[in-house]
Amino acid sequence: MSTSYNLKRADFIFRNENDWEKILIRTIKRDKQELINELISSELKGRGGAGFPTGLKWKLASEASSDQKYVICNADEGEPGTFKDREILTKVPFKVLTAMGICGFITGATKAFIYLRGEYKFLKTDLEKAIDEFEYYCKEIDFDFKIEIFMGSGAYICGEETALMESMEGKRGEPRNKPPFPTHKGYMEKSTIINNVETLAHTFTIFKHGAKKFYDLGVQFSRGTKLFSVSGDTPKPGIYELELGMSLQDFVDEFGDGDTKAVQVGGASGFLVPRKRFNETAIGFKGKLSGISLPTGGSMMLFNSTRSMFNVLDNYLEFFREESCGQCTPCRVGCQQLLIGIKAVKQGAKPANYLDKLLKLTETMQYTAKCGLGQSVANSFSSIVENFREEMIY
């Protein structure tokens, strides 16, 4: 194992949640600004992948002048290779519900929603039972807070927060222009906090154990722990909670099969890192190692030498073409042309240097696509083509 980082496991997320009532009532008796300051000092960043500071988001919503405010838990876990949020909602739902309640207390929201991925319908019954128990306790302590489940319809684009709100309002799931941002004008044009399932679970940890406990984990700029959904060519598939800041080499030493040639960090919208860059790549928003730092929503897919990177990229592009909402031309047309293009090169209908034109297209998509779907296609495309060009041709 590499000596640059000690791979550290943790168990905060799935640790016993039987004290959620005590944490809720203890927390809502505290000063709101004090709670915001604690969350900010923990340096928790959103665990959905974007990494926006959670404390700042809650602060902005608390300061917004809106007669009605909302809290939304984004449980539309649609990123390929990610399966951690469903485990949180299955095993420790009260951590998420309690965190939503605390968020409501801080921001002034009395109504909340869990936007549940359509494919997770099997979670709905048990989750509703947990919500009923949570709301019963809220009523007992005279805390006005209601939670409702909103079922998604299986659209990947609705994982994007503004497209999610559009679908909740009964519209087509398409991203909105920003600004305005949801904290000021979100669901039903009211101030809205949208947090990922795992982000909310971490806020429970912070309000239970204190900001310092969380801050002391991980490394500078990448504080705390992260749940990783490990899949692909690995003898240890599953969900693991690890501190942020490790090198990709440390990760591969632990989860690889001895023949790992590449790791897809962050799902189809993330980056594929080749073996030669494992040591220089850190997992986090910014690691303690020199070189590249890659954030991830949790998906970590390992590929060994038996895998064709052309097939991997072909699979990703098929996915993006299918899931593009079609609202903006760069993404709608770009995804189709990239897929057609790599097939043409592979079949010899286009010369090898046509790949360079396709790379230029991804740059255009990155700058002109309206939302993260079209913008992130360049991540996997460029990292695969640049590092495994020979597999795109022969």
Protein backbone atom coordinates (compact mmCIF):
# COMPACT_ATOMS: atom_id res chain seq x y z
CA MET A 1 0.00 0.00 0.00
CA SER A 2 1.17 3.52 -0.81
CA THR A 3 2.71 5.44 2.09
CA SER A 4 1.19 8.76 1.01
CA TYR A 5 -2.06 8.16 2.83
CA ASN A 6 -3.40 5.67 5.32
CA LEU A 7 -6.68 4.38 3.90
CA LYS A 8 -9.05 5.10 6.76
CA ARG A 9 -12.50 3.63 7.09
CA ALA A 10 -15.27 5.16 9.16
CA ASP A 11 -18.77 4.19 10.26
CA PHE A 12 -20.55 7.46 11.00
CA ILE A 13 -23.24 7.21 8.34
CA PHE A 14 -24.56 3.75 9.19
CA ARG A 15 -23.94 4.02 12.93
CA ASN A 16 -26.96 3.50 15.22
CA GLU A 17 -29.61 6.19 14.83
CA ASN A 18 -31.76 5.35 17.88
CA ASP A 19 -31.04 8.73 19.47
CA TRP A 20 -32.53 10.81 16.65
CA GLU A 21 -35.33 12.19 18.87
CA LYS A 22 -32.79 13.45 21.39
CA ILE A 23 -30.63 15.01 18.66
CA LEU A 24 -33.63 16.76 17.09
CA ILE A 25 -35.00 18.32 20.26
CA ARG A 26 -31.54 19.24 21.53
CA THR A 27 -30.65 20.94 18.26
CA ILE A 28 -33.83 22.96 17.72
CA LYS A 29 -33.38 24.47 21.17
CA ARG A 30 -30.10 26.03 20.08
CA ASP A 31 -29.59 29.42 18.46
CA LYS A 32 -30.07 29.27 14.68
CA GLN A 33 -27.02 31.37 13.87
CA GLU A 34 -24.92 29.20 16.16
CA LEU A 35 -26.04 26.13 14.20
CA ILE A 36 -25.21 27.78 10.88
CA ASN A 37 -21.78 28.75 12.16
CA GLU A 38 -21.15 25.18 13.30
CA LEU A 39 -22.11 23.79 9.92
CA ILE A 40 -19.89 26.33 8.15
CA SER A 41 -16.95 25.56 10.43
CA SER A 42 -17.25 21.84 9.65
CA GLU A 43 -16.51 22.68 5.98
CA LEU A 44 -19.03 20.09 4.82
CA LYS A 45 -19.46 20.24 1.05
CA GLY A 46 -22.38 18.76 -0.85
CA ARG A 47 -21.92 15.03 -1.38
CA GLY A 48 -23.93 14.89 -4.60
CA GLY A 49 -20.81 15.78 -6.58
CA ALA A 50 -20.98 19.57 -7.01
CA GLY A 51 -19.42 20.27 -3.63
CA PHE A 52 -21.16 23.54 -2.73
CA PRO A 53 -20.57 24.45 0.96
CA THR A 54 -23.62 23.19 2.87
CA GLY A 55 -23.41 25.75 5.67
CA LEU A 56 -23.36 28.63 3.18
CA LYS A 57 -26.38 27.21 1.35
CA TRP A 58 -28.38 26.99 4.58
CA LYS A 59 -27.25 30.51 5.55
CA LEU A 60 -28.44 31.97 2.24
CA ALA A 61 -31.84 30.29 2.59
CA SER A 62 -32.20 31.46 6.20
CA GLU A 63 -31.61 35.06 5.05
CA ALA A 64 -33.97 34.86 2.08
CA SER A 65 -37.17 36.89 2.35
CA SER A 66 -39.80 34.35 1.34
CA ASP A 67 -43.23 33.86 2.91
CA GLN A 68 -42.91 30.10 2.38
CA LYS A 69 -39.74 28.01 2.31
CA TYR A 70 -39.06 24.40 1.39
CA VAL A 71 -36.53 21.68 2.08
CA ILE A 72 -35.97 19.03 -0.59
CA CYS A 73 -33.95 15.86 -0.19
CA ASN A 74 -32.59 14.86 -3.59
CA ALA A 75 -32.86 11.06 -3.65
CA ASP A 76 -32.88 10.83 -7.44
CA GLU A 77 -29.78 8.65 -7.45
CA GLY A 78 -29.43 8.22 -11.20
CA GLU A 79 -25.67 8.43 -11.76
CA PRO A 80 -24.44 5.09 -13.18
CA GLY A 81 -22.44 3.16 -10.62
CA THR A 82 -23.93 4.97 -7.62
CA PHE A 83 -26.05 3.04 -5.12
CA LYS A 84 -25.26 4.54 -1.70
CA ASP A 85 -28.28 6.81 -1.11
CA ARG A 86 -30.77 3.96 -1.24
CA GLU A 87 -28.77 2.21 1.50
CA ILE A 88 -28.92 5.32 3.68
CA LEU A 89 -32.68 5.62 3.24
CA THR A 90 -33.09 1.91 3.93
CA LYS A 91 -30.83 1.57 6.97
CA VAL A 92 -30.80 5.00 8.65
CA PRO A 93 -33.75 7.02 7.33
CA PHE A 94 -34.20 8.95 10.58
CA LYS A 95 -30.80 10.58 10.19
CA VAL A 96 -31.99 12.09 6.93
CA LEU A 97 -35.43 13.04 8.27
CA THR A 98 -33.93 14.62 11.38
CA ALA A 99 -31.45 16.61 9.31
CA MET A 100 -34.31 17.84 7.12
CA GLY A 101 -36.17 18.94 10.23
CA ILE A 102 -33.13 20.80 11.56
CA CYS A 103 -32.70 22.45 8.17
CA GLY A 104 -36.33 23.53 8.31
CA PHE A 105 -35.82 24.97 11.78
CA ILE A 106 -32.77 26.96 10.68
CA THR A 107 -34.18 28.28 7.41
CA GLY A 108 -37.80 28.72 8.49
CA ALA A 109 -39.21 25.99 6.24
CA THR A 110 -42.19 23.98 7.47
CA LYS A 111 -42.70 21.81 4.41
CA ALA A 112 -40.27 19.28 2.94
CA PHE A 113 -40.10 16.70 0.17
CA ILE A 114 -38.05 13.63 -0.57
CA TYR A 115 -37.66 13.41 -4.34
CA LEU A 116 -37.32 9.66 -4.72
CA ARG A 117 -35.96 8.07 -7.86
CA GLY A 118 -38.69 6.24 -9.80
CA GLU A 119 -36.71 2.99 -9.72
CA TYR A 120 -36.65 3.19 -5.91
CA LYS A 121 -40.38 2.77 -5.56
CA PHE A 122 -39.72 -0.32 -3.46
CA LEU A 123 -38.40 2.00 -0.70
CA LYS A 124 -41.57 4.08 -0.55
CA THR A 125 -43.67 2.05 1.92
CA ASP A 126 -40.98 1.75 4.61
CA LEU A 127 -39.94 5.35 4.11
CA GLU A 128 -43.52 6.54 4.59
CA LYS A 129 -43.69 4.60 7.87
CA ALA A 130 -40.52 6.34 9.04
CA ILE A 131 -41.96 9.72 8.04
CA ASP A 132 -45.17 9.01 9.97
CA GLU A 133 -43.13 8.19 13.08
CA PHE A 134 -41.00 11.30 12.62
CA GLU A 135 -44.00 13.58 12.14
CA TYR A 136 -45.74 12.07 15.16
CA TYR A 137 -42.74 12.97 17.31
CA CYS A 138 -42.63 16.48 15.80
CA LYS A 139 -46.27 16.94 16.80
CA GLU A 140 -45.47 15.72 20.32
CA ILE A 141 -42.81 18.40 20.76
CA ASP A 142 -44.91 21.07 19.00
CA PHE A 143 -42.52 21.30 16.05
CA ASP A 144 -44.33 22.22 12.82
CA PHE A 145 -42.66 20.25 10.03
CA LYS A 146 -44.16 18.00 7.34
CA ILE A 147 -42.41 15.69 4.87
CA GLU A 148 -43.88 14.27 1.69
CA ILE A 149 -42.44 11.81 -0.83
CA PHE A 150 -42.47 12.85 -4.48
CA MET A 151 -41.79 10.02 -6.92
CA GLY A 152 -39.60 10.73 -9.92
CA SER A 153 -40.25 9.11 -13.28
CA GLY A 154 -36.79 7.77 -14.07
CA ALA A 155 -35.26 10.78 -15.83
CA TYR A 156 -31.51 11.22 -15.23
CA ILE A 157 -31.77 14.96 -15.89
CA CYS A 158 -34.06 15.36 -12.86
CA GLY A 159 -31.08 14.75 -10.60
CA GLU A 160 -30.15 18.35 -11.51
CA GLU A 161 -31.79 20.51 -8.87
CA THR A 162 -33.70 22.93 -11.10
CA ALA A 163 -34.96 20.17 -13.42
CA LEU A 164 -36.05 18.34 -10.27
CA MET A 165 -38.13 21.33 -9.17
CA GLU A 166 -39.64 21.70 -12.64
CA SER A 167 -40.85 18.10 -12.53
CA MET A 168 -42.25 18.61 -9.02
CA GLU A 169 -44.27 21.53 -10.36
CA GLY A 170 -45.79 19.28 -13.02
CA LYS A 171 -43.65 20.56 -15.87
CA ARG A 172 -41.24 18.80 -18.17
CA GLY A 173 -38.02 18.01 -16.33
CA GLU A 174 -35.69 20.59 -17.85
CA PRO A 175 -33.00 22.73 -16.19
CA ARG A 176 -33.69 26.38 -15.43
CA ASN A 177 -31.35 29.27 -16.07
CA LYS A 178 -29.29 30.40 -13.07
CA PRO A 179 -29.47 32.86 -11.41
CA PRO A 180 -31.83 32.99 -9.63
CA PHE A 181 -30.63 30.14 -7.42
CA PRO A 182 -32.99 27.85 -5.48
CA THR A 183 -32.10 29.38 -2.10
CA HIS A 184 -33.88 32.55 -3.27
CA LYS A 185 -36.27 31.33 -5.96
CA GLY A 186 -36.75 27.58 -6.05
CA TYR A 187 -39.77 25.30 -5.80
CA MET A 188 -42.96 27.24 -6.59
CA GLU A 189 -40.69 30.30 -6.84
CA LYS A 190 -40.05 30.17 -3.09
CA SER A 191 -36.77 29.88 -1.19
CA THR A 192 -35.70 26.23 -1.32
CA ILE A 193 -32.88 24.13 0.09
CA ILE A 194 -32.01 21.06 -2.00
CA ASN A 195 -29.50 18.63 -0.49
CA ASN A 196 -28.35 15.17 -1.45
CA VAL A 197 -29.29 12.24 0.84
CA GLU A 198 -25.71 11.71 2.00
CA THR A 199 -25.17 15.42 2.65
CA LEU A 200 -28.12 15.44 5.03
CA ALA A 201 -26.85 12.32 6.80
CA HIS A 202 -23.53 14.09 7.39
CA THR A 203 -25.27 17.11 8.91
CA PHE A 204 -26.81 14.74 11.44
CA THR A 205 -23.30 13.58 12.36
CA ILE A 206 -22.12 17.19 12.72
CA PHE A 207 -24.99 18.26 14.98
CA LYS A 208 -24.63 15.10 17.04
CA HIS A 209 -20.85 14.98 17.47
CA GLY A 210 -19.86 18.58 16.76
CA ALA A 211 -18.18 20.26 13.80
CA LYS A 212 -14.64 19.48 15.00
CA LYS A 213 -15.26 15.73 14.92
CA PHE A 214 -16.17 16.01 11.24
CA TYR A 215 -13.52 18.62 10.41
CA ASP A 216 -10.72 16.45 11.83
CA LEU A 217 -11.49 13.76 9.25
CA GLY A 218 -10.19 13.96 5.69
CA VAL A 219 -7.70 16.59 4.51
CA GLN A 220 -7.61 20.34 3.88
CA PHE A 221 -10.35 21.44 1.46
CA SER A 222 -11.84 17.92 1.60
CA ARG A 223 -13.09 17.49 5.14
CA GLY A 224 -15.01 14.54 6.50
CA THR A 225 -15.87 11.14 5.13
CA LYS A 226 -17.53 10.00 1.93
CA LEU A 227 -19.57 6.99 0.93
CA PHE A 228 -18.14 5.18 -2.08
CA SER A 229 -20.13 2.84 -4.31
CA VAL A 230 -17.46 0.41 -5.49
CA SER A 231 -18.19 -1.70 -8.57
CA GLY A 232 -16.62 -3.20 -11.68
CA ASP A 233 -13.56 -5.45 -11.70
CA THR A 234 -13.10 -5.66 -7.94
CA PRO A 235 -13.13 -8.49 -5.40
CA LYS A 236 -14.77 -6.10 -2.90
CA PRO A 237 -17.88 -4.56 -4.48
CA GLY A 238 -20.14 -2.66 -2.12
CA ILE A 239 -20.50 0.58 -0.15
CA TYR A 240 -17.64 1.89 1.98
CA GLU A 241 -17.29 5.01 4.12
CA LEU A 242 -13.77 6.41 3.79
CA GLU A 243 -12.04 9.65 4.64
CA LEU A 244 -11.50 12.03 1.74
CA GLY A 245 -8.00 12.85 0.50
CA MET A 246 -6.64 9.42 -0.42
CA SER A 247 -4.73 8.89 -3.64
CA LEU A 248 -6.35 6.77 -6.30
CA GLN A 249 -3.43 4.37 -5.91
CA ASP A 250 -4.38 3.81 -2.27
CA PHE A 251 -7.93 3.13 -3.39
CA VAL A 252 -6.82 0.66 -6.07
CA ASP A 253 -4.47 -1.10 -3.64
CA GLU A 254 -7.48 -1.74 -1.44
CA PHE A 255 -10.20 -2.50 -3.98
CA GLY A 256 -8.44 -3.49 -7.20
CA ASP A 257 -8.01 -7.03 -8.49
CA GLY A 258 -4.28 -6.65 -9.18
CA ASP A 259 -4.85 -5.77 -12.84
CA THR A 260 -6.67 -2.43 -12.66
CA LYS A 261 -5.87 -0.36 -15.74
CA ALA A 262 -8.35 2.48 -15.14
CA VAL A 263 -10.88 3.82 -12.66
CA GLN A 264 -13.97 5.84 -13.54
CA VAL A 265 -14.29 8.41 -10.75
CA GLY A 266 -17.76 9.93 -10.39
CA GLY A 267 -19.83 7.78 -12.72
CA ALA A 268 -20.46 8.37 -16.41
CA SER A 269 -20.25 12.14 -15.88
CA GLY A 270 -16.90 11.84 -14.12
CA PHE A 271 -13.33 11.19 -15.26
CA LEU A 272 -11.60 7.97 -16.24
CA VAL A 273 -8.10 7.85 -14.72
CA PRO A 274 -5.47 5.52 -16.28
CA ARG A 275 -3.01 3.47 -14.22
CA LYS A 276 -0.10 5.84 -14.89
CA ARG A 277 -1.92 8.63 -13.02
CA PHE A 278 -3.14 6.74 -9.95
CA ASN A 279 -0.43 8.14 -7.68
CA GLU A 280 -0.87 11.77 -8.73
CA THR A 281 -4.67 11.75 -8.45
CA ALA A 282 -6.39 12.44 -5.13
CA ILE A 283 -10.03 11.70 -4.38
CA GLY A 284 -11.64 14.82 -3.01
CA PHE A 285 -12.32 18.44 -3.77
CA LYS A 286 -8.66 19.15 -3.22
CA GLY A 287 -6.31 16.58 -1.74
CA LYS A 288 -3.07 16.93 0.18
CA LEU A 289 -1.18 15.39 -2.73
CA SER A 290 0.22 17.42 -5.59
CA GLY A 291 -1.47 16.82 -8.90
CA ILE A 292 -5.12 16.24 -9.76
CA SER A 293 -8.00 16.24 -7.28
CA LEU A 294 -11.25 14.65 -8.41
CA PRO A 295 -14.55 15.03 -6.55
CA THR A 296 -17.08 12.23 -6.83
CA GLY A 297 -20.72 11.74 -6.04
CA GLY A 298 -19.70 8.28 -4.87
CA SER A 299 -19.39 6.08 -7.96
CA MET A 300 -16.03 4.31 -8.31
CA MET A 301 -15.90 1.83 -11.21
CA LEU A 302 -12.74 -0.22 -11.67
CA PHE A 303 -11.72 -1.68 -15.04
CA ASN A 304 -9.03 -4.29 -15.64
CA SER A 305 -7.11 -5.11 -18.83
CA THR A 306 -9.90 -7.34 -20.18
CA ARG A 307 -12.16 -4.30 -20.68
CA SER A 308 -12.42 -2.37 -23.94
CA MET A 309 -12.37 1.36 -23.29
CA PHE A 310 -14.13 1.86 -26.62
CA ASN A 311 -17.04 -0.22 -25.34
CA VAL A 312 -17.03 1.74 -22.07
CA LEU A 313 -17.20 5.07 -23.90
CA ASP A 314 -19.80 3.75 -26.34
CA ASN A 315 -21.94 2.72 -23.37
CA TYR A 316 -21.61 6.15 -21.73
CA LEU A 317 -22.55 7.99 -24.91
CA GLU A 318 -25.58 5.76 -25.47
CA PHE A 319 -26.64 6.68 -21.95
CA PHE A 320 -26.13 10.42 -22.44
CA ARG A 321 -27.91 10.42 -25.78
CA GLU A 322 -30.89 8.70 -24.18
CA GLU A 323 -30.96 10.89 -21.07
CA SER A 324 -30.40 14.31 -22.67
CA CYS A 325 -33.57 16.33 -22.18
CA GLY A 326 -33.09 17.86 -25.63
CA GLN A 327 -33.67 21.42 -24.46
CA CYS A 328 -30.35 22.83 -25.67
CA THR A 329 -28.72 22.13 -29.04
CA PRO A 330 -25.14 21.54 -27.79
CA CYS A 331 -26.24 18.58 -25.68
CA ARG A 332 -29.06 17.27 -27.88
CA VAL A 333 -27.00 17.22 -31.09
CA GLY A 334 -23.59 16.88 -29.48
CA CYS A 335 -24.32 13.58 -27.73
CA GLN A 336 -25.60 12.08 -30.98
CA GLN A 337 -22.64 13.25 -33.04
CA LEU A 338 -20.09 12.00 -30.53
CA LEU A 339 -21.65 8.55 -30.58
CA ILE A 340 -21.84 8.48 -34.38
CA GLY A 341 -18.28 9.80 -34.57
CA ILE A 342 -16.52 7.21 -32.43
CA LYS A 343 -18.33 4.41 -34.23
CA ALA A 344 -17.23 5.84 -37.58
CA VAL A 345 -13.59 5.99 -36.45
CA LYS A 346 -13.72 2.45 -35.07
CA GLN A 347 -15.20 1.14 -38.33
CA GLY A 348 -12.69 3.02 -40.49
CA ALA A 349 -15.28 5.32 -42.05
CA LYS A 350 -13.47 8.29 -40.50
CA PRO A 351 -9.69 8.79 -40.07
CA ALA A 352 -8.10 8.55 -36.63
CA ASN A 353 -7.56 12.33 -36.45
CA TYR A 354 -11.35 12.77 -36.52
CA LEU A 355 -11.15 12.07 -32.80
CA ASP A 356 -9.52 15.50 -32.41
CA LYS A 357 -12.55 17.14 -34.01
CA LEU A 358 -14.78 15.26 -31.59
CA LEU A 359 -12.65 16.51 -28.69
CA LYS A 360 -13.21 20.07 -29.96
CA LEU A 361 -16.94 19.35 -29.98
CA THR A 362 -16.84 18.29 -26.33
CA GLU A 363 -15.10 21.57 -25.48
CA THR A 364 -17.94 23.45 -27.14
CA MET A 365 -20.48 21.38 -25.21
CA GLN A 366 -18.65 22.07 -21.97
CA TYR A 367 -18.96 25.83 -22.44
CA THR A 368 -22.36 26.11 -24.11
CA ALA A 369 -24.60 23.33 -22.76
CA LYS A 370 -27.24 24.63 -20.38
CA CYS A 371 -26.72 22.19 -17.51
CA GLY A 372 -24.32 19.70 -16.01
CA LEU A 373 -25.39 16.82 -18.24
CA GLY A 374 -24.13 18.33 -21.50
CA GLN A 375 -21.20 20.00 -19.78
CA SER A 376 -19.97 16.79 -18.14
CA VAL A 377 -19.98 14.64 -21.30
CA ALA A 378 -16.54 16.10 -21.99
CA ASN A 379 -15.19 14.61 -18.76
CA SER A 380 -15.47 10.94 -19.65
CA PHE A 381 -15.05 11.49 -23.41
CA SER A 382 -11.80 13.43 -23.21
CA SER A 383 -10.28 11.32 -20.44
CA ILE A 384 -10.97 8.06 -22.32
CA VAL A 385 -9.99 9.27 -25.80
CA GLU A 386 -6.81 11.00 -24.62
CA ASN A 387 -5.61 8.09 -22.49
CA PHE A 388 -6.82 5.14 -24.57
CA ARG A 389 -6.78 6.51 -28.13
CA GLU A 390 -5.44 3.27 -29.56
CA GLU A 391 -8.52 1.42 -28.30
CA MET A 392 -10.75 3.91 -30.11
CA ILE A 393 -9.08 3.11 -33.43
CA TYR A 394 -8.15 -0.58 -33.50
